[in-house]
Amino acid sequence: VTLLTYKTGTALSPWAATDMGKTSADGKTYTF
């Protein structure tokens, strides 16, 4: 299991993560 995955097609979906996570405004920090 990974945090995110591809279910159908190439759109990302959460897997082990509860959601798509939070990304900082500067695009350098990701929290899951």
PDB file of all heavy atoms in Angstrom:
ATOM      1  N   VAL A   1       0.840  -1.190   0.000  1.00  0.00           N
ATOM      2  CA  VAL A   1       0.000   0.000   0.000  1.00  0.00           C
ATOM      3  C   VAL A   1       0.883   1.251   0.000  1.00  0.00           C
ATOM      4  O   VAL A   1       1.890   1.319   0.695  1.00  0.00           O
ATOM      5  CB  VAL A   1      -0.931   0.000   1.233  1.00  0.00           C
ATOM      6  CG1 VAL A   1      -1.607   1.342   1.412  1.00  0.00           C
ATOM      7  CG2 VAL A   1      -1.980  -1.102   1.098  1.00  0.00           C
ATOM      8  N   THR A   2       0.474   2.239  -0.788  1.00  0.00           N
ATOM      9  CA  THR A   2       1.142   3.541  -0.826  1.00  0.00           C
ATOM     10  C   THR A   2       0.183   4.608  -0.290  1.00  0.00           C
ATOM     11  O   THR A   2      -1.017   4.363  -0.139  1.00  0.00           O
ATOM     12  CB  THR A   2       1.544   3.898  -2.263  1.00  0.00           C
ATOM     13  OG1 THR A   2       0.417   3.680  -3.130  1.00  0.00           O
ATOM     14  CG2 THR A   2       2.693   3.019  -2.739  1.00  0.00           C
ATOM     15  N   LEU A   3       0.695   5.790  -0.009  1.00  0.00           N
ATOM     16  CA  LEU A   3      -0.163   6.857   0.495  1.00  0.00           C
ATOM     17  C   LEU A   3      -1.238   7.226  -0.517  1.00  0.00           C
ATOM     18  O   LEU A   3      -2.412   7.390  -0.182  1.00  0.00           O
ATOM     19  CB  LEU A   3       0.678   8.094   0.827  1.00  0.00           C
ATOM     20  CG  LEU A   3       1.584   7.973   2.055  1.00  0.00           C
ATOM     21  CD1 LEU A   3       2.564   9.138   2.107  1.00  0.00           C
ATOM     22  CD2 LEU A   3       0.747   7.926   3.335  1.00  0.00           C
ATOM     23  N   LEU A   4      -0.813   7.351  -1.786  1.00  0.00           N
ATOM     24  CA  LEU A   4      -1.722   7.687  -2.875  1.00  0.00           C
ATOM     25  C   LEU A   4      -1.665   6.580  -3.914  1.00  0.00           C
ATOM     26  O   LEU A   4      -0.765   5.741  -3.887  1.00  0.00           O
ATOM     27  CB  LEU A   4      -1.322   9.030  -3.506  1.00  0.00           C
ATOM     28  CG  LEU A   4      -1.192  10.226  -2.560  1.00  0.00           C
ATOM     29  CD1 LEU A   4      -0.716  11.454  -3.329  1.00  0.00           C
ATOM     30  CD2 LEU A   4      -2.517  10.519  -1.860  1.00  0.00           C
ATOM     31  N   THR A   5      -2.618   6.587  -4.840  1.00  0.00           N
ATOM     32  CA  THR A   5      -2.599   5.558  -5.881  1.00  0.00           C
ATOM     33  C   THR A   5      -3.352   6.040  -7.108  1.00  0.00           C
ATOM     34  O   THR A   5      -3.940   7.129  -7.123  1.00  0.00           O
ATOM     35  CB  THR A   5      -3.221   4.244  -5.372  1.00  0.00           C
ATOM     36  OG1 THR A   5      -2.945   3.195  -6.312  1.00  0.00           O
ATOM     37  CG2 THR A   5      -4.725   4.369  -5.176  1.00  0.00           C
ATOM     38  N   TYR A   6      -3.306   5.220  -8.161  1.00  0.00           N
ATOM     39  CA  TYR A   6      -4.117   5.427  -9.357  1.00  0.00           C
ATOM     40  C   TYR A   6      -5.162   4.314  -9.390  1.00  0.00           C
ATOM     41  O   TYR A   6      -4.815   3.142  -9.498  1.00  0.00           O
ATOM     42  CB  TYR A   6      -3.257   5.334 -10.625  1.00  0.00           C
ATOM     43  CG  TYR A   6      -2.110   6.314 -10.671  1.00  0.00           C
ATOM     44  CD1 TYR A   6      -0.807   5.900 -10.392  1.00  0.00           C
ATOM     45  CD2 TYR A   6      -2.320   7.649 -11.008  1.00  0.00           C
ATOM     46  CE1 TYR A   6       0.251   6.796 -10.444  1.00  0.00           C
ATOM     47  CE2 TYR A   6      -1.270   8.549 -11.058  1.00  0.00           C
ATOM     48  CZ  TYR A   6       0.017   8.113 -10.777  1.00  0.00           C
ATOM     49  OH  TYR A   6       1.058   8.992 -10.827  1.00  0.00           O
ATOM     50  N   LYS A   7      -6.417   4.677  -9.283  1.00  0.00           N
ATOM     51  CA  LYS A   7      -7.485   3.663  -9.318  1.00  0.00           C
ATOM     52  C   LYS A   7      -7.905   3.404 -10.758  1.00  0.00           C
ATOM     53  O   LYS A   7      -7.670   2.343 -11.309  1.00  0.00           O
ATOM     54  CB  LYS A   7      -8.666   4.103  -8.457  1.00  0.00           C
ATOM     55  CG  LYS A   7      -8.361   4.065  -6.963  1.00  0.00           C
ATOM     56  CD  LYS A   7      -9.587   4.414  -6.138  1.00  0.00           C
ATOM     57  CE  LYS A   7      -9.288   4.317  -4.648  1.00  0.00           C
ATOM     58  NZ  LYS A   7     -10.460   4.688  -3.810  1.00  0.00           N
ATOM     59  N   THR A   8      -8.543   4.363 -11.363  1.00  0.00           N
ATOM     60  CA  THR A   8      -8.886   4.256 -12.783  1.00  0.00           C
ATOM     61  C   THR A   8      -8.186   5.398 -13.507  1.00  0.00           C
ATOM     62  O   THR A   8      -8.231   6.541 -13.057  1.00  0.00           O
ATOM     63  CB  THR A   8     -10.403   4.359 -12.996  1.00  0.00           C
ATOM     64  OG1 THR A   8     -10.880   5.593 -12.441  1.00  0.00           O
ATOM     65  CG2 THR A   8     -11.126   3.206 -12.335  1.00  0.00           C
ATOM     66  N   GLY A   9      -7.539   5.084 -14.608  1.00  0.00           N
ATOM     67  CA  GLY A   9      -6.811   6.125 -15.315  1.00  0.00           C
ATOM     68  C   GLY A   9      -5.605   6.606 -14.526  1.00  0.00           C
ATOM     69  O   GLY A   9      -5.041   5.873 -13.714  1.00  0.00           O
ATOM     70  N   THR A  10      -5.239   7.858 -14.755  1.00  0.00           N
ATOM     71  CA  THR A  10      -4.028   8.388 -14.114  1.00  0.00           C
ATOM     72  C   THR A  10      -4.335   9.545 -13.167  1.00  0.00           C
ATOM     73  O   THR A  10      -3.468  10.363 -12.879  1.00  0.00           O
ATOM     74  CB  THR A  10      -3.024   8.856 -15.184  1.00  0.00           C
ATOM     75  OG1 THR A  10      -3.675   9.786 -16.075  1.00  0.00           O
ATOM     76  CG2 THR A  10      -2.506   7.675 -15.984  1.00  0.00           C
ATOM     77  N   ALA A  11      -5.578   9.602 -12.677  1.00  0.00           N
ATOM     78  CA  ALA A  11      -5.926  10.587 -11.655  1.00  0.00           C
ATOM     79  C   ALA A  11      -5.552  10.027 -10.281  1.00  0.00           C
ATOM     80  O   ALA A  11      -5.856   8.880  -9.965  1.00  0.00           O
ATOM     81  CB  ALA A  11      -7.413  10.904 -11.707  1.00  0.00           C
ATOM     82  N   LEU A  12      -4.865  10.826  -9.479  1.00  0.00           N
ATOM     83  CA  LEU A  12      -4.434  10.384  -8.159  1.00  0.00           C
ATOM     84  C   LEU A  12      -5.608  10.306  -7.184  1.00  0.00           C
ATOM     85  O   LEU A  12      -6.518  11.128  -7.221  1.00  0.00           O
ATOM     86  CB  LEU A  12      -3.375  11.338  -7.607  1.00  0.00           C
ATOM     87  CG  LEU A  12      -1.993  11.244  -8.253  1.00  0.00           C
ATOM     88  CD1 LEU A  12      -1.138  12.438  -7.859  1.00  0.00           C
ATOM     89  CD2 LEU A  12      -1.305   9.952  -7.844  1.00  0.00           C
ATOM     90  N   SER A  13      -5.545   9.296  -6.299  1.00  0.00           N
ATOM     91  CA  SER A  13      -6.549   9.119  -5.250  1.00  0.00           C
ATOM     92  C   SER A  13      -5.840   8.738  -3.962  1.00  0.00           C
ATOM     93  O   SER A  13      -4.765   8.125  -3.995  1.00  0.00           O
ATOM     94  CB  SER A  13      -7.536   8.005  -5.613  1.00  0.00           C
ATOM     95  OG  SER A  13      -8.186   8.258  -6.829  1.00  0.00           O
ATOM     96  N   PRO A  14      -6.404   9.052  -2.800  1.00  0.00           N
ATOM     97  CA  PRO A  14      -5.798   8.605  -1.542  1.00  0.00           C
ATOM     98  C   PRO A  14      -5.946   7.103  -1.373  1.00  0.00           C
ATOM     99  O   PRO A  14      -6.931   6.512  -1.836  1.00  0.00           O
ATOM    100  CB  PRO A  14      -6.584   9.371  -0.475  1.00  0.00           C
ATOM    101  CG  PRO A  14      -7.882   9.721  -1.120  1.00  0.00           C
ATOM    102  CD  PRO A  14      -7.588   9.895  -2.575  1.00  0.00           C
ATOM    103  N   TRP A  15      -4.984   6.476  -0.721  1.00  0.00           N
ATOM    104  CA  TRP A  15      -5.048   5.036  -0.451  1.00  0.00           C
ATOM    105  C   TRP A  15      -4.798   4.817   1.040  1.00  0.00           C
ATOM    106  O   TRP A  15      -5.737   4.754   1.818  1.00  0.00           O
ATOM    107  CB  TRP A  15      -4.056   4.277  -1.319  1.00  0.00           C
ATOM    108  CG  TRP A  15      -4.322   2.796  -1.411  1.00  0.00           C
ATOM    109  CD1 TRP A  15      -5.386   2.117  -0.894  1.00  0.00           C
ATOM    110  CD2 TRP A  15      -3.517   1.819  -2.077  1.00  0.00           C
ATOM    111  NE1 TRP A  15      -5.307   0.782  -1.197  1.00  0.00           N
ATOM    112  CE2 TRP A  15      -4.167   0.571  -1.925  1.00  0.00           C
ATOM    113  CE3 TRP A  15      -2.323   1.867  -2.790  1.00  0.00           C
ATOM    114  CZ2 TRP A  15      -3.641  -0.624  -2.445  1.00  0.00           C
ATOM    115  CZ3 TRP A  15      -1.803   0.696  -3.326  1.00  0.00           C
ATOM    116  CH2 TRP A  15      -2.464  -0.541  -3.151  1.00  0.00           C
ATOM    117  N   ALA A  16      -3.553   4.775   1.453  1.00  0.00           N
ATOM    118  CA  ALA A  16      -3.301   4.692   2.897  1.00  0.00           C
ATOM    119  C   ALA A  16      -3.560   6.031   3.568  1.00  0.00           C
ATOM    120  O   ALA A  16      -3.842   6.101   4.767  1.00  0.00           O
ATOM    121  CB  ALA A  16      -1.863   4.244   3.154  1.00  0.00           C
ATOM    122  N   ALA A  17      -3.457   7.110   2.800  1.00  0.00           N
ATOM    123  CA  ALA A  17      -3.742   8.445   3.335  1.00  0.00           C
ATOM    124  C   ALA A  17      -5.252   8.647   3.427  1.00  0.00           C
ATOM    125  O   ALA A  17      -6.024   8.085   2.647  1.00  0.00           O
ATOM    126  CB  ALA A  17      -3.121   9.510   2.442  1.00  0.00           C
ATOM    127  N   THR A  18      -5.671   9.443   4.381  1.00  0.00           N
ATOM    128  CA  THR A  18      -7.103   9.702   4.557  1.00  0.00           C
ATOM    129  C   THR A  18      -7.648  10.614   3.467  1.00  0.00           C
ATOM    130  O   THR A  18      -8.839  10.604   3.177  1.00  0.00           O
ATOM    131  CB  THR A  18      -7.379  10.342   5.927  1.00  0.00           C
ATOM    132  OG1 THR A  18      -6.617  11.564   6.025  1.00  0.00           O
ATOM    133  CG2 THR A  18      -6.975   9.411   7.057  1.00  0.00           C
ATOM    134  N   ASP A  19      -6.763  11.448   2.887  1.00  0.00           N
ATOM    135  CA  ASP A  19      -7.159  12.348   1.808  1.00  0.00           C
ATOM    136  C   ASP A  19      -5.922  12.679   0.981  1.00  0.00           C
ATOM    137  O   ASP A  19      -4.883  12.022   1.135  1.00  0.00           O
ATOM    138  CB  ASP A  19      -7.825  13.621   2.363  1.00  0.00           C
ATOM    139  CG  ASP A  19      -6.963  14.323   3.416  1.00  0.00           C
ATOM    140  OD1 ASP A  19      -5.709  14.287   3.298  1.00  0.00           O
ATOM    141  OD2 ASP A  19      -7.526  14.915   4.356  1.00  0.00           O
ATOM    142  N   MET A  20      -6.000  13.665   0.121  1.00  0.00           N
ATOM    143  CA  MET A  20      -4.888  14.003  -0.760  1.00  0.00           C
ATOM    144  C   MET A  20      -3.807  14.810  -0.062  1.00  0.00           C
ATOM    145  O   MET A  20      -2.816  15.197  -0.684  1.00  0.00           O
ATOM    146  CB  MET A  20      -5.407  14.768  -1.979  1.00  0.00           C
ATOM    147  CG  MET A  20      -6.230  13.903  -2.933  1.00  0.00           C
ATOM    148  SD  MET A  20      -5.249  12.527  -3.632  1.00  0.00           S
ATOM    149  CE  MET A  20      -4.048  13.430  -4.595  1.00  0.00           C
ATOM    150  N   GLY A  21      -3.971  15.051   1.228  1.00  0.00           N
ATOM    151  CA  GLY A  21      -2.955  15.743   1.990  1.00  0.00           C
ATOM    152  C   GLY A  21      -2.997  17.250   1.831  1.00  0.00           C
ATOM    153  O   GLY A  21      -3.801  17.794   1.074  1.00  0.00           O
ATOM    154  N   LYS A  22      -2.113  17.913   2.569  1.00  0.00           N
ATOM    155  CA  LYS A  22      -2.031  19.374   2.528  1.00  0.00           C
ATOM    156  C   LYS A  22      -0.680  19.788   1.943  1.00  0.00           C
ATOM    157  O   LYS A  22       0.359  19.258   2.327  1.00  0.00           O
ATOM    158  CB  LYS A  22      -2.189  19.954   3.939  1.00  0.00           C
ATOM    159  CG  LYS A  22      -3.548  19.666   4.576  1.00  0.00           C
ATOM    160  CD  LYS A  22      -3.627  20.224   5.986  1.00  0.00           C
ATOM    161  CE  LYS A  22      -4.982  19.907   6.617  1.00  0.00           C
ATOM    162  NZ  LYS A  22      -5.048  20.404   8.021  1.00  0.00           N
ATOM    163  N   THR A  23      -0.735  20.725   1.014  1.00  0.00           N
ATOM    164  CA  THR A  23       0.479  21.219   0.371  1.00  0.00           C
ATOM    165  C   THR A  23       0.670  22.676   0.746  1.00  0.00           C
ATOM    166  O   THR A  23      -0.280  23.475   0.689  1.00  0.00           O
ATOM    167  CB  THR A  23       0.381  21.102  -1.164  1.00  0.00           C
ATOM    168  OG1 THR A  23       0.053  19.759  -1.509  1.00  0.00           O
ATOM    169  CG2 THR A  23       1.697  21.500  -1.822  1.00  0.00           C
ATOM    170  N   SER A  24       1.875  23.041   1.140  1.00  0.00           N
ATOM    171  CA  SER A  24       2.161  24.421   1.529  1.00  0.00           C
ATOM    172  C   SER A  24       2.086  25.347   0.324  1.00  0.00           C
ATOM    173  O   SER A  24       2.180  24.906  -0.831  1.00  0.00           O
ATOM    174  CB  SER A  24       3.549  24.518   2.166  1.00  0.00           C
ATOM    175  OG  SER A  24       4.554  24.153   1.235  1.00  0.00           O
ATOM    176  N   ALA A  25       1.930  26.627   0.579  1.00  0.00           N
ATOM    177  CA  ALA A  25       1.788  27.614  -0.489  1.00  0.00           C
ATOM    178  C   ALA A  25       3.011  27.657  -1.398  1.00  0.00           C
ATOM    179  O   ALA A  25       2.898  27.915  -2.602  1.00  0.00           O
ATOM    180  CB  ALA A  25       1.529  28.998   0.115  1.00  0.00           C
ATOM    181  N   ASP A  26       4.195  27.369  -0.844  1.00  0.00           N
ATOM    182  CA  ASP A  26       5.415  27.417  -1.654  1.00  0.00           C
ATOM    183  C   ASP A  26       5.696  26.100  -2.377  1.00  0.00           C
ATOM    184  O   ASP A  26       6.688  25.969  -3.100  1.00  0.00           O
ATOM    185  CB  ASP A  26       6.632  27.822  -0.810  1.00  0.00           C
ATOM    186  CG  ASP A  26       6.944  26.821   0.302  1.00  0.00           C
ATOM    187  OD1 ASP A  26       6.271  25.773   0.395  1.00  0.00           O
ATOM    188  OD2 ASP A  26       7.879  27.102   1.086  1.00  0.00           O
ATOM    189  N   GLY A  27       4.805  25.106  -2.191  1.00  0.00           N
ATOM    190  CA  GLY A  27       4.949  23.838  -2.899  1.00  0.00           C
ATOM    191  C   GLY A  27       6.093  22.975  -2.418  1.00  0.00           C
ATOM    192  O   GLY A  27       6.485  22.033  -3.121  1.00  0.00           O
ATOM    193  N   LYS A  28       6.572  23.223  -1.216  1.00  0.00           N
ATOM    194  CA  LYS A  28       7.733  22.469  -0.731  1.00  0.00           C
ATOM    195  C   LYS A  28       7.447  21.595   0.480  1.00  0.00           C
ATOM    196  O   LYS A  28       8.319  20.845   0.926  1.00  0.00           O
ATOM    197  CB  LYS A  28       8.883  23.432  -0.410  1.00  0.00           C
ATOM    198  CG  LYS A  28       9.436  24.150  -1.638  1.00  0.00           C
ATOM    199  CD  LYS A  28      10.771  24.829  -1.369  1.00  0.00           C
ATOM    200  CE  LYS A  28      10.643  25.997  -0.442  1.00  0.00           C
ATOM    201  NZ  LYS A  28      11.941  26.720  -0.296  1.00  0.00           N
ATOM    202  N   THR A  29       6.231  21.662   1.017  1.00  0.00           N
ATOM    203  CA  THR A  29       5.891  20.856   2.193  1.00  0.00           C
ATOM    204  C   THR A  29       4.565  20.126   1.959  1.00  0.00           C
ATOM    205  O   THR A  29       3.568  20.745   1.575  1.00  0.00           O
ATOM    206  CB  THR A  29       5.785  21.727   3.459  1.00  0.00           C
ATOM    207  OG1 THR A  29       7.028  22.408   3.674  1.00  0.00           O
ATOM    208  CG2 THR A  29       5.492  20.858   4.678  1.00  0.00           C
ATOM    209  N   TYR A  30       4.578  18.816   2.198  1.00  0.00           N
ATOM    210  CA  TYR A  30       3.397  17.983   2.017  1.00  0.00           C
ATOM    211  C   TYR A  30       3.133  17.233   3.323  1.00  0.00           C
ATOM    212  O   TYR A  30       4.045  16.612   3.872  1.00  0.00           O
ATOM    213  CB  TYR A  30       3.602  16.963   0.897  1.00  0.00           C
ATOM    214  CG  TYR A  30       3.801  17.578  -0.475  1.00  0.00           C
ATOM    215  CD1 TYR A  30       5.049  18.062  -0.862  1.00  0.00           C
ATOM    216  CD2 TYR A  30       2.747  17.665  -1.371  1.00  0.00           C
ATOM    217  CE1 TYR A  30       5.243  18.621  -2.131  1.00  0.00           C
ATOM    218  CE2 TYR A  30       2.919  18.217  -2.634  1.00  0.00           C
ATOM    219  CZ  TYR A  30       4.179  18.697  -2.998  1.00  0.00           C
ATOM    220  OH  TYR A  30       4.360  19.241  -4.243  1.00  0.00           O
ATOM    221  N   THR A  31       1.888  17.276   3.790  1.00  0.00           N
ATOM    222  CA  THR A  31       1.534  16.637   5.049  1.00  0.00           C
ATOM    223  C   THR A  31       0.357  15.683   4.837  1.00  0.00           C
ATOM    224  O   THR A  31      -0.644  16.054   4.219  1.00  0.00           O
ATOM    225  CB  THR A  31       1.150  17.685   6.113  1.00  0.00           C
ATOM    226  OG1 THR A  31       2.205  18.647   6.226  1.00  0.00           O
ATOM    227  CG2 THR A  31       0.940  17.023   7.468  1.00  0.00           C
ATOM    228  N   PHE A  32       0.501  14.450   5.358  1.00  0.00           N
ATOM    229  CA  PHE A  32      -0.528  13.431   5.182  1.00  0.00           C
ATOM    230  C   PHE A  32      -0.904  12.791   6.511  1.00  0.00           C
ATOM    231  O   PHE A  32      -0.033  12.531   7.351  1.00  0.00           O
ATOM    232  CB  PHE A  32      -0.047  12.317   4.249  1.00  0.00           C
ATOM    233  CG  PHE A  32       0.192  12.761   2.842  1.00  0.00           C
ATOM    234  CD1 PHE A  32       1.447  13.209   2.456  1.00  0.00           C
ATOM    235  CD2 PHE A  32      -0.831  12.739   1.910  1.00  0.00           C
ATOM    236  CE1 PHE A  32       1.683  13.622   1.153  1.00  0.00           C
ATOM    237  CE2 PHE A  32      -0.607  13.147   0.605  1.00  0.00           C
ATOM    238  CZ  PHE A  32       0.649  13.596   0.223  1.00  0.00           C
TER     239      PHE A  32
END
